Amino acid sequence: MKLRCWRSAGFAALAFALSAALAAPNPPAGDRAGAVGALPLPDAAAPPLVAPSPLTPAPLGPRVAPPGAGAGAPPPQVPGAVVPTPQVPGTPPQLSLSARKIYEQSRSRLVQIRTLLKGRASQTSVGSGFFVTPEGHIVSNFHVVADAALKPERHDLVYVTADGREAPVQILQIDVLHDLALLKAADPQPRSFESLEFRPEAEALAQGERIYSLGNPLDVGFAFTQGTYNGMVRRSFYPQIFFGGALSAGMSGGPALDEEGRVVGINVARRGDGEQVSFLVPATFASQLLARGRNVPPIATPAYPVVAAQLRAHQDALTERFIRQGWKSATHPRLQVPVPPDVFMRCWGTSEVSKTGGLDFERSDCAMESRIFAGELTTGVIELRHETYDGSRLGTLRFTARYSASFRNELFVRPGVTQHQTKPTCHEDYVDREGLTLRAVVCLRAYKKLPQLFDVAVLVATLDQPQSAVLGRFDAQGVTFENAQRLARHYIGAYRWNR
């Protein structure tokens, strides 16, 4: 097996950092120049590690899919994904007298948010929102207004009230980490607005407490859904409320109210593989956004720098938490294989025993269940997996051929994201981990419109046995170069012999 290395001018820094930290034997000459901070955006594709299609993956656990912009066309989803809203609204339950009263009182405070092509009446997406001040401040989701925030030269925003009044709206602040946006009505004539109040943070919701969700589903009119508070979502990196009620496309950004008509959350997503399993952003984050942005001027230019700055803050927190939590205990008879704790990631496993005397393997997939919507793409997550192969019934030659093919089949591409990133730059090397020899490949892709952020992928193959092996893969999306180094070292360094 030959060692293959591909280099670009700035990528030498990553190769150096990994090799130095992990004591890689016999580093190739000429691959040690450059400073970490001077890494340019990768500009040349690595020779593909691609051959025929990869091994059939095991079923993955549910993941968070990218939010859709209101009732606009949703992006492709994975099975069991969390999506912004259902495609078909459910039949609403019979409303109680108190529910009718809440709806009548709050109806005038609700708005539909429409994104229009600039200079035309054609709308590209719709969502919901609600007034939170008499001056006309409106809370909605970031994914509802993302087109206008990121491409203001092509889109306009308007709000439409329940009685059909329409007026322009401006974006004051965004919070991509919690999928929120603070807007303000820009009516030609100054006026006062009826608004909703936030429930005080000190008044915690009780398990089973009734919640009422409002919005404009599928652009057919304002609607009202009853449900219950089922606690906070487990394994969510940022707090979210588990709402036991139905949400429909177009209700994104609408309010969820308690029985006194106070805002307790903002409609944001629902599970694609369950009924009445929906999610709300806690109202405290909207209240904080209002406090920060109430008096700021409107965003007038593309908001990519704002989005990138918030994503950089997120990846710092994500990297620290991921490294600090460590790894689970040994999961392999001979080796320590990196598997994260079940804190903010979910792991699923499968095994397959060949019925024809071929290759047996076990697979583990671990992934975060929430992604950050950043306009044309989602990012801000960590995923990893490993496959354990047993080819004792194949013999050394046939096993080596199958194992090498699995290594080559690995892809460094995300469907629908390629056009928003540079070509990958990769470095491959052999690494010695206390006598355990690993073949490792590290690849980077930069985001074109989100400065200083990269996707990093690490592929590791063990080479200690002639008829058995472990193939591992680590991916982190939307991290800085420095944190890509830290995460790569942390992952590769977890492979070692059992003691």
Protein backbone atom coordinates (compact mmCIF):
# COMPACT_ATOMS: atom_id res chain seq x y z
CA MET A 1 0.00 0.00 0.00
CA LYS A 2 1.54 3.28 -1.07
CA LEU A 3 1.39 6.52 0.84
CA ARG A 4 -0.31 9.29 -1.10
CA CYS A 5 -0.03 12.94 -0.06
CA TRP A 6 -1.60 16.02 -1.64
CA ARG A 7 -0.67 19.48 -0.51
CA SER A 8 -1.59 23.11 -1.04
CA ALA A 9 0.45 26.12 0.10
CA GLY A 10 -1.48 26.77 3.30
CA PHE A 11 -2.58 23.24 4.12
CA ALA A 12 0.96 22.34 5.21
CA ALA A 13 0.16 23.95 8.55
CA LEU A 14 -2.55 21.39 9.26
CA ALA A 15 -0.31 18.51 8.20
CA PHE A 16 2.44 19.82 10.47
CA ALA A 17 0.16 20.28 13.46
CA LEU A 18 -1.29 16.79 13.21
CA SER A 19 2.01 15.08 12.52
CA ALA A 20 3.79 16.88 15.36
CA ALA A 21 1.03 16.24 17.87
CA LEU A 22 0.61 12.58 17.01
CA ALA A 23 4.29 11.77 16.32
CA ALA A 24 3.74 10.60 12.76
CA PRO A 25 6.79 8.64 11.59
CA ASN A 26 9.00 9.88 8.79
CA PRO A 27 7.19 13.10 7.81
CA PRO A 28 7.74 13.89 4.13
CA ALA A 29 10.15 16.69 3.40
CA GLY A 30 8.80 20.02 2.23
CA ASP A 31 5.49 19.71 4.09
CA ARG A 32 6.34 21.82 7.10
CA ALA A 33 6.13 25.44 5.90
CA GLY A 34 3.53 28.03 6.71
CA ALA A 35 1.84 29.42 9.82
CA VAL A 36 -1.50 28.32 11.22
CA GLY A 37 -3.00 31.77 10.98
CA ALA A 38 -1.93 32.19 7.38
CA LEU A 39 -4.01 29.36 5.90
CA PRO A 40 -5.58 30.56 2.63
CA LEU A 41 -8.90 29.23 1.46
CA PRO A 42 -8.37 25.84 -0.21
CA ASP A 43 -8.33 26.41 -3.94
CA ALA A 44 -7.44 23.06 -5.46
CA ALA A 45 -9.26 19.76 -5.37
CA ALA A 46 -7.53 16.76 -3.91
CA PRO A 47 -7.28 13.63 -6.07
CA PRO A 48 -10.56 11.85 -5.36
CA LEU A 49 -10.71 9.10 -2.79
CA VAL A 50 -13.76 7.90 -4.65
CA ALA A 51 -14.32 4.56 -6.29
CA PRO A 52 -17.62 2.64 -6.61
CA SER A 53 -20.50 3.45 -4.30
CA PRO A 54 -19.78 3.03 -0.58
CA LEU A 55 -20.97 0.18 1.58
CA THR A 56 -24.66 0.32 2.33
CA PRO A 57 -24.97 2.39 5.51
CA ALA A 58 -26.88 1.27 8.53
CA PRO A 59 -30.09 3.15 9.39
CA LEU A 60 -29.22 6.42 11.03
CA GLY A 61 -30.89 8.00 13.99
CA PRO A 62 -33.18 11.00 13.54
CA ARG A 63 -31.41 14.21 12.67
CA VAL A 64 -32.36 17.83 12.41
CA ALA A 65 -32.92 18.86 8.83
CA PRO A 66 -32.58 22.42 7.55
CA PRO A 67 -35.58 24.62 8.24
CA GLY A 68 -37.64 25.72 5.28
CA ALA A 69 -38.67 29.31 4.67
CA GLY A 70 -42.28 29.21 5.77
CA ALA A 71 -44.47 27.63 3.11
CA GLY A 72 -41.74 27.86 0.48
CA ALA A 73 -40.34 24.76 -1.19
CA PRO A 74 -38.64 22.64 1.50
CA PRO A 75 -35.12 21.26 1.04
CA PRO A 76 -34.58 17.51 0.71
CA GLN A 77 -34.99 15.68 3.99
CA VAL A 78 -33.52 12.53 5.49
CA PRO A 79 -35.84 9.90 6.98
CA GLY A 80 -36.87 10.81 10.49
CA ALA A 81 -35.71 14.40 10.05
CA VAL A 82 -36.87 17.39 12.01
CA VAL A 83 -38.43 19.76 9.54
CA PRO A 84 -39.71 23.30 9.96
CA THR A 85 -43.37 22.40 9.62
CA PRO A 86 -45.60 19.60 8.39
CA GLN A 87 -46.65 19.66 4.75
CA VAL A 88 -50.28 18.83 5.52
CA PRO A 89 -52.02 20.51 8.45
CA GLY A 90 -53.82 18.22 10.85
CA THR A 91 -57.46 18.61 11.82
CA PRO A 92 -57.57 21.01 14.77
CA PRO A 93 -59.25 19.81 17.96
CA GLN A 94 -62.42 21.42 19.22
CA LEU A 95 -61.45 24.68 20.94
CA SER A 96 -62.41 25.32 24.54
CA LEU A 97 -64.04 28.57 25.63
CA SER A 98 -60.73 29.79 27.08
CA ALA A 99 -58.97 28.90 23.83
CA ARG A 100 -61.52 30.89 21.83
CA LYS A 101 -60.97 33.86 24.11
CA ILE A 102 -57.19 33.67 23.71
CA TYR A 103 -57.54 33.48 19.93
CA GLU A 104 -59.88 36.47 19.76
CA GLN A 105 -57.54 38.52 21.97
CA SER A 106 -54.35 37.62 20.11
CA ARG A 107 -55.61 37.63 16.51
CA SER A 108 -54.91 41.32 15.96
CA ARG A 109 -51.35 40.85 17.20
CA LEU A 110 -50.46 38.19 14.62
CA VAL A 111 -48.96 38.85 11.21
CA GLN A 112 -47.96 36.91 8.17
CA ILE A 113 -44.43 37.65 6.93
CA ARG A 114 -44.06 37.55 3.15
CA THR A 115 -40.80 37.59 1.21
CA LEU A 116 -41.30 39.21 -2.20
CA LEU A 117 -39.12 39.52 -5.25
CA LYS A 118 -37.97 43.14 -5.30
CA GLY A 119 -40.09 45.30 -7.57
CA ARG A 120 -42.67 42.55 -8.09
CA ALA A 121 -45.73 41.26 -6.31
CA SER A 122 -44.56 37.64 -6.47
CA GLN A 123 -43.84 36.09 -3.09
CA THR A 124 -41.06 33.54 -2.68
CA SER A 125 -41.95 32.35 0.83
CA VAL A 126 -44.27 33.05 3.72
CA GLY A 127 -44.10 32.60 7.46
CA SER A 128 -45.61 34.03 10.62
CA GLY A 129 -44.74 36.57 13.29
CA PHE A 130 -46.24 38.64 16.10
CA PHE A 131 -46.02 42.15 17.52
CA VAL A 132 -44.13 42.50 20.80
CA THR A 133 -44.14 46.31 21.28
CA PRO A 134 -46.57 49.15 20.57
CA GLU A 135 -43.84 50.65 18.34
CA GLY A 136 -44.23 47.77 15.88
CA HIS A 137 -41.42 45.36 16.74
CA ILE A 138 -42.13 41.86 15.39
CA VAL A 139 -40.59 38.52 16.32
CA SER A 140 -40.28 35.73 13.75
CA ASN A 141 -37.84 32.98 12.72
CA PHE A 142 -34.58 33.70 10.93
CA HIS A 143 -35.38 31.02 8.35
CA VAL A 144 -38.58 32.93 7.50
CA VAL A 145 -36.66 36.11 6.55
CA ALA A 146 -33.33 34.59 5.49
CA ASP A 147 -33.69 35.45 1.79
CA ALA A 148 -34.29 39.10 2.58
CA ALA A 149 -31.52 39.19 5.21
CA LEU A 150 -28.87 37.63 2.98
CA LYS A 151 -29.98 39.02 -0.40
CA PRO A 152 -31.66 42.37 0.31
CA GLU A 153 -30.93 43.56 -3.21
CA ARG A 154 -33.30 40.89 -4.55
CA HIS A 155 -36.01 40.65 -1.89
CA ASP A 156 -38.44 42.81 0.06
CA LEU A 157 -40.32 41.97 3.25
CA VAL A 158 -43.90 42.87 4.10
CA TYR A 159 -46.22 41.98 6.93
CA VAL A 160 -49.92 41.27 6.52
CA THR A 161 -52.35 41.43 9.43
CA ALA A 162 -55.36 39.20 10.00
CA ASP A 163 -57.66 41.88 8.57
CA GLY A 164 -55.56 42.15 5.38
CA ARG A 165 -53.55 45.31 6.05
CA GLU A 166 -50.11 45.15 4.41
CA ALA A 167 -47.00 47.28 4.99
CA PRO A 168 -43.20 47.00 4.66
CA VAL A 169 -41.11 45.50 7.43
CA GLN A 170 -37.40 45.93 8.22
CA ILE A 171 -34.91 43.50 9.80
CA LEU A 172 -33.24 44.86 12.94
CA GLN A 173 -31.38 41.84 14.30
CA ILE A 174 -31.01 38.12 13.73
CA ASP A 175 -30.12 35.20 15.98
CA VAL A 176 -29.18 32.25 13.77
CA LEU A 177 -28.26 30.03 16.74
CA HIS A 178 -31.86 30.06 17.98
CA ASP A 179 -33.45 30.72 14.56
CA LEU A 180 -34.95 34.08 15.52
CA ALA A 181 -35.32 37.47 13.85
CA LEU A 182 -36.37 40.85 15.22
CA LEU A 183 -38.26 42.97 12.69
CA LYS A 184 -40.00 46.32 12.77
CA ALA A 185 -43.02 47.55 10.90
CA ALA A 186 -42.22 50.39 8.51
CA ASP A 187 -45.69 51.78 7.88
CA PRO A 188 -45.79 55.02 5.87
CA GLN A 189 -47.87 56.60 8.63
CA PRO A 190 -46.80 56.19 12.30
CA ARG A 191 -49.25 54.16 14.34
CA SER A 192 -49.50 52.18 17.56
CA PHE A 193 -49.72 48.38 17.55
CA GLU A 194 -51.40 45.93 19.89
CA SER A 195 -48.72 43.53 21.11
CA LEU A 196 -48.24 40.29 23.00
CA GLU A 197 -46.38 40.02 26.29
CA PHE A 198 -43.71 37.47 27.24
CA ARG A 199 -44.37 35.18 30.16
CA PRO A 200 -41.86 36.00 32.93
CA GLU A 201 -38.93 33.60 32.94
CA ALA A 202 -39.43 33.01 36.66
CA GLU A 203 -42.81 31.38 35.95
CA ALA A 204 -41.64 28.01 34.69
CA LEU A 205 -43.95 25.90 32.57
CA ALA A 206 -45.37 22.80 34.23
CA GLN A 207 -45.32 19.38 32.59
CA GLY A 208 -48.61 18.91 30.75
CA GLU A 209 -49.50 22.60 30.80
CA ARG A 210 -51.75 23.68 27.92
CA ILE A 211 -50.09 25.67 25.12
CA TYR A 212 -51.74 27.36 22.14
CA SER A 213 -49.78 27.78 18.91
CA LEU A 214 -50.81 30.38 16.33
CA GLY A 215 -49.74 31.09 12.76
CA ASN A 216 -50.72 31.10 9.11
CA PRO A 217 -50.40 27.49 7.85
CA LEU A 218 -49.82 26.96 4.12
CA ASP A 219 -50.90 30.54 3.41
CA VAL A 220 -54.58 29.66 3.84
CA GLY A 221 -55.38 31.88 6.83
CA PHE A 222 -54.58 32.35 10.50
CA ALA A 223 -54.99 29.20 12.56
CA PHE A 224 -54.86 28.06 16.17
CA THR A 225 -53.51 24.73 17.51
CA GLN A 226 -53.87 23.36 21.03
CA GLY A 227 -51.12 21.23 22.55
CA THR A 228 -49.18 20.55 25.73
CA TYR A 229 -45.80 21.35 27.23
CA ASN A 230 -43.79 18.13 27.44
CA GLY A 231 -40.58 19.50 28.90
CA MET A 232 -37.35 20.47 27.18
CA VAL A 233 -35.92 18.51 24.27
CA ARG A 234 -33.23 16.04 25.27
CA ARG A 235 -29.83 16.18 23.57
CA SER A 236 -30.52 19.58 21.99
CA PHE A 237 -27.39 21.74 21.94
CA TYR A 238 -29.53 24.84 22.52
CA PRO A 239 -32.71 24.71 24.64
CA GLN A 240 -35.94 23.89 22.80
CA ILE A 241 -39.45 23.17 24.07
CA PHE A 242 -41.10 19.85 23.22
CA PHE A 243 -44.60 20.89 22.10
CA GLY A 244 -47.19 18.13 21.94
CA GLY A 245 -49.20 19.66 19.12
CA ALA A 246 -49.30 19.97 15.34
CA LEU A 247 -47.40 22.67 13.43
CA SER A 248 -47.88 23.26 9.72
CA ALA A 249 -45.77 24.92 7.04
CA GLY A 250 -46.21 28.69 7.26
CA MET A 251 -46.66 28.70 11.05
CA SER A 252 -42.91 29.15 11.56
CA GLY A 253 -42.28 32.29 13.60
CA GLY A 254 -45.74 32.37 15.13
CA PRO A 255 -46.24 32.58 18.91
CA ALA A 256 -47.06 29.80 21.36
CA LEU A 257 -49.16 31.15 24.24
CA ASP A 258 -50.10 30.03 27.73
CA GLU A 259 -53.66 30.15 29.03
CA GLU A 260 -53.22 33.81 29.95
CA GLY A 261 -52.24 34.72 26.40
CA ARG A 262 -48.55 35.28 27.18
CA VAL A 263 -45.78 34.16 24.85
CA VAL A 264 -43.92 31.06 26.06
CA GLY A 265 -42.27 30.05 22.78
CA ILE A 266 -41.93 30.59 19.04
CA ASN A 267 -42.93 27.93 16.49
CA VAL A 268 -39.82 26.59 14.78
CA ALA A 269 -39.88 22.89 13.75
CA ARG A 270 -41.55 19.52 13.94
CA ARG A 271 -40.48 15.88 13.63
CA GLY A 272 -40.96 14.36 10.20
CA ASP A 273 -41.49 10.84 11.52
CA GLY A 274 -44.00 11.50 14.29
CA GLU A 275 -47.41 13.00 14.92
CA GLN A 276 -47.75 16.09 17.10
CA VAL A 277 -44.05 16.13 17.95
CA SER A 278 -43.13 19.77 17.46
CA PHE A 279 -40.59 22.23 18.80
CA LEU A 280 -40.60 25.80 20.08
CA VAL A 281 -37.81 28.28 20.75
CA PRO A 282 -38.15 29.36 24.41
CA ALA A 283 -39.52 32.88 24.69
CA THR A 284 -36.57 34.02 26.79
CA PHE A 285 -34.34 34.11 23.69
CA ALA A 286 -36.84 36.30 21.83
CA SER A 287 -37.09 38.59 24.85
CA GLN A 288 -33.29 38.91 24.94
CA LEU A 289 -33.18 39.61 21.20
CA LEU A 290 -35.74 42.39 21.65
CA ALA A 291 -33.70 43.93 24.47
CA ARG A 292 -30.53 43.91 22.32
CA GLY A 293 -32.08 45.13 19.09
CA ARG A 294 -34.98 47.35 20.02
CA ASN A 295 -33.22 50.59 19.11
CA VAL A 296 -30.66 49.50 16.51
CA PRO A 297 -30.83 50.66 12.88
CA PRO A 298 -32.18 48.19 10.27
CA ILE A 299 -29.82 45.77 8.53
CA ALA A 300 -29.33 47.28 5.06
CA THR A 301 -26.61 45.05 3.58
CA PRO A 302 -26.27 41.25 3.18
CA ALA A 303 -26.06 39.74 6.65
CA TYR A 304 -23.39 37.13 5.91
CA PRO A 305 -20.84 38.80 8.25
CA VAL A 306 -23.38 38.71 11.09
CA VAL A 307 -24.23 35.08 10.38
CA ALA A 308 -20.53 34.14 10.20
CA ALA A 309 -19.73 35.88 13.49
CA GLN A 310 -22.53 34.02 15.28
CA LEU A 311 -21.45 30.71 13.75
CA ARG A 312 -17.88 31.31 14.92
CA ALA A 313 -19.16 31.85 18.46
CA HIS A 314 -21.19 28.65 18.16
CA GLN A 315 -18.29 26.53 16.95
CA ASP A 316 -16.09 27.74 19.79
CA ALA A 317 -18.70 26.58 22.31
CA LEU A 318 -19.30 23.34 20.40
CA THR A 319 -15.59 22.50 20.21
CA GLU A 320 -15.05 23.14 23.91
CA ARG A 321 -18.03 21.03 24.99
CA PHE A 322 -17.19 18.19 22.61
CA ILE A 323 -13.58 17.91 23.72
CA ARG A 324 -14.39 18.36 27.40
CA GLN A 325 -16.92 15.51 27.48
CA GLY A 326 -14.31 12.91 26.49
CA TRP A 327 -15.13 9.45 25.11
CA LYS A 328 -17.03 6.39 26.23
CA SER A 329 -15.13 3.36 27.50
CA ALA A 330 -13.65 0.75 25.15
CA THR A 331 -16.04 -0.50 22.46
CA HIS A 332 -13.68 -2.94 20.72
CA PRO A 333 -11.97 -6.11 22.01
CA ARG A 334 -8.46 -4.88 21.14
CA LEU A 335 -8.73 -1.11 20.61
CA GLN A 336 -10.07 2.08 22.10
CA VAL A 337 -12.43 3.43 19.41
CA PRO A 338 -13.79 6.99 19.79
CA VAL A 339 -17.51 7.02 20.63
CA PRO A 340 -18.98 10.18 22.25
CA PRO A 341 -21.21 10.17 25.34
CA ASP A 342 -24.96 10.49 24.85
CA VAL A 343 -25.09 14.15 25.93
CA PHE A 344 -25.92 16.25 22.89
CA MET A 345 -25.45 13.50 20.31
CA ARG A 346 -27.40 10.33 19.57
CA CYS A 347 -25.70 7.08 18.52
CA TRP A 348 -27.19 4.21 16.56
CA GLY A 349 -25.61 0.87 15.75
CA THR A 350 -26.10 -2.13 13.52
CA SER A 351 -24.32 -5.36 12.71
CA GLU A 352 -24.29 -7.64 9.70
CA VAL A 353 -23.05 -11.21 9.61
CA SER A 354 -22.36 -12.49 6.14
CA LYS A 355 -24.45 -15.53 5.19
CA THR A 356 -22.05 -16.49 2.42
CA GLY A 357 -18.81 -16.65 4.39
CA GLY A 358 -17.81 -13.13 3.45
CA LEU A 359 -17.16 -9.94 5.37
CA ASP A 360 -18.85 -9.39 8.75
CA PHE A 361 -19.11 -5.87 10.08
CA GLU A 362 -20.60 -3.72 12.82
CA ARG A 363 -21.32 -0.02 12.45
CA SER A 364 -21.96 2.86 14.85
CA ASP A 365 -23.25 6.30 13.76
CA CYS A 366 -23.31 9.28 16.13
CA ALA A 367 -24.71 12.69 15.21
CA MET A 368 -26.10 15.86 16.70
CA GLU A 369 -29.85 16.20 16.26
CA SER A 370 -29.92 19.94 15.60
CA ARG A 371 -28.33 21.89 12.78
CA ILE A 372 -28.03 25.64 12.34
CA PHE A 373 -29.80 27.12 9.36
CA ALA A 374 -27.52 29.63 7.62
CA GLY A 375 -29.45 30.53 4.49
CA GLU A 376 -28.48 28.34 1.55
CA LEU A 377 -27.14 25.62 3.84
CA THR A 378 -27.08 24.17 7.33
CA THR A 379 -23.97 23.82 9.44
CA GLY A 380 -22.65 23.80 13.00
CA VAL A 381 -22.76 20.06 13.73
CA ILE A 382 -20.44 17.16 14.52
CA GLU A 383 -20.93 13.63 13.22
CA LEU A 384 -18.79 10.53 13.54
CA ARG A 385 -19.01 6.84 12.86
CA HIS A 386 -16.90 3.72 12.82
CA GLU A 387 -17.17 0.34 11.10
CA THR A 388 -15.56 -2.79 12.51
CA TYR A 389 -14.68 -5.43 9.93
CA ASP A 390 -14.03 -9.16 10.43
CA GLY A 391 -12.68 -10.91 7.34
CA SER A 392 -11.32 -14.05 8.94
CA ARG A 393 -13.41 -16.19 6.61
CA LEU A 394 -12.20 -14.30 3.54
CA GLY A 395 -8.47 -14.72 3.90
CA THR A 396 -5.88 -11.95 3.96
CA LEU A 397 -5.81 -11.10 0.25
CA ARG A 398 -9.56 -10.84 -0.26
CA PHE A 399 -10.05 -8.98 3.03
CA THR A 400 -7.37 -6.43 2.13
CA ALA A 401 -9.04 -5.77 -1.23
CA ARG A 402 -12.48 -5.25 0.37
CA TYR A 403 -11.12 -3.09 3.19
CA SER A 404 -9.11 -0.90 0.80
CA ALA A 405 -12.22 -0.43 -1.36
CA SER A 406 -14.20 0.77 1.66
CA PHE A 407 -11.48 3.31 2.42
CA ARG A 408 -11.50 4.62 -1.16
CA ASN A 409 -15.29 4.86 -1.24
CA GLU A 410 -15.37 7.68 1.31
CA LEU A 411 -16.65 10.98 -0.09
CA PHE A 412 -15.99 14.51 1.10
CA VAL A 413 -19.09 16.20 -0.27
CA ARG A 414 -22.42 17.35 1.11
CA PRO A 415 -25.34 17.30 -1.36
CA GLY A 416 -26.64 20.81 -2.04
CA VAL A 417 -23.69 22.50 -0.34
CA THR A 418 -20.86 21.97 -2.82
CA GLN A 419 -21.54 25.19 -4.73
CA HIS A 420 -21.22 27.19 -1.50
CA GLN A 421 -17.77 25.81 -0.63
CA THR A 422 -14.32 25.68 -2.15
CA LYS A 423 -12.84 22.47 -3.46
CA PRO A 424 -11.42 20.14 -0.79
CA THR A 425 -7.78 20.14 0.23
CA CYS A 426 -6.56 16.88 1.79
CA HIS A 427 -3.49 15.49 3.53
CA GLU A 428 -2.83 11.79 4.02
CA ASP A 429 -0.26 10.20 6.30
CA TYR A 430 0.56 7.21 8.48
CA VAL A 431 0.30 7.85 12.22
CA ASP A 432 1.79 5.83 15.05
CA ARG A 433 -0.37 5.67 18.18
CA GLU A 434 1.79 3.92 20.78
CA GLY A 435 2.54 1.09 18.38
CA LEU A 436 -0.87 1.12 16.68
CA THR A 437 -0.39 2.15 13.05
CA LEU A 438 -3.18 4.24 11.51
CA ARG A 439 -3.72 5.48 8.00
CA ALA A 440 -5.28 8.96 8.30
CA VAL A 441 -6.66 11.49 5.83
CA VAL A 442 -7.70 15.01 6.84
CA CYS A 443 -9.69 17.20 4.40
CA LEU A 444 -10.86 20.83 4.57
CA ARG A 445 -13.39 22.83 2.58
CA ALA A 446 -13.91 26.56 3.14
CA TYR A 447 -17.24 28.38 2.99
CA LYS A 448 -17.28 30.98 0.23
CA LYS A 449 -19.55 33.51 1.99
CA LEU A 450 -18.86 32.69 5.63
CA PRO A 451 -15.29 33.83 6.32
CA GLN A 452 -12.94 31.80 8.53
CA LEU A 453 -15.26 28.77 8.59
CA PHE A 454 -14.52 25.30 7.21
CA ASP A 455 -15.86 21.77 7.09
CA VAL A 456 -13.28 19.25 8.27
CA ALA A 457 -13.36 15.50 7.70
CA VAL A 458 -11.01 12.93 9.23
CA LEU A 459 -10.80 9.36 7.93
CA VAL A 460 -8.88 6.78 9.96
CA ALA A 461 -8.10 3.14 9.11
CA THR A 462 -6.34 0.69 11.43
CA LEU A 463 -3.58 -1.47 9.96
CA ASP A 464 -2.67 -3.75 12.89
CA GLN A 465 -4.34 -7.01 11.78
CA PRO A 466 -4.29 -8.82 8.40
CA GLN A 467 -7.94 -9.96 8.52
CA SER A 468 -9.75 -7.45 10.76
CA ALA A 469 -9.81 -3.67 11.02
CA VAL A 470 -11.65 -0.52 12.09
CA LEU A 471 -12.56 2.30 9.69
CA GLY A 472 -13.54 5.57 11.38
CA ARG A 473 -14.90 8.88 10.07
CA PHE A 474 -15.23 12.24 11.86
CA ASP A 475 -16.94 15.35 10.41
CA ALA A 476 -17.28 18.83 11.88
CA GLN A 477 -19.15 21.49 9.93
CA GLY A 478 -18.59 25.21 10.23
CA VAL A 479 -15.45 25.38 12.39
CA THR A 480 -12.41 27.64 12.30
CA PHE A 481 -9.02 26.32 11.16
CA GLU A 482 -7.70 26.30 14.71
CA ASN A 483 -10.65 24.28 15.98
CA ALA A 484 -10.43 21.94 12.99
CA GLN A 485 -6.89 21.16 14.16
CA ARG A 486 -7.99 20.61 17.75
CA LEU A 487 -10.88 18.34 16.78
CA ALA A 488 -8.76 16.30 14.35
CA ARG A 489 -6.07 15.77 17.00
CA HIS A 490 -8.70 14.89 19.59
CA TYR A 491 -10.31 12.30 17.32
CA ILE A 492 -7.15 10.63 16.00
CA GLY A 493 -5.62 10.65 19.47
CA ALA A 494 -8.52 8.57 20.82
CA TYR A 495 -7.41 5.48 18.88
CA ARG A 496 -5.13 3.28 21.00
CA TRP A 497 -4.66 -0.21 22.31
CA ASN A 498 -6.81 -1.40 25.20
CA ARG A 499 -4.76 -1.54 28.37
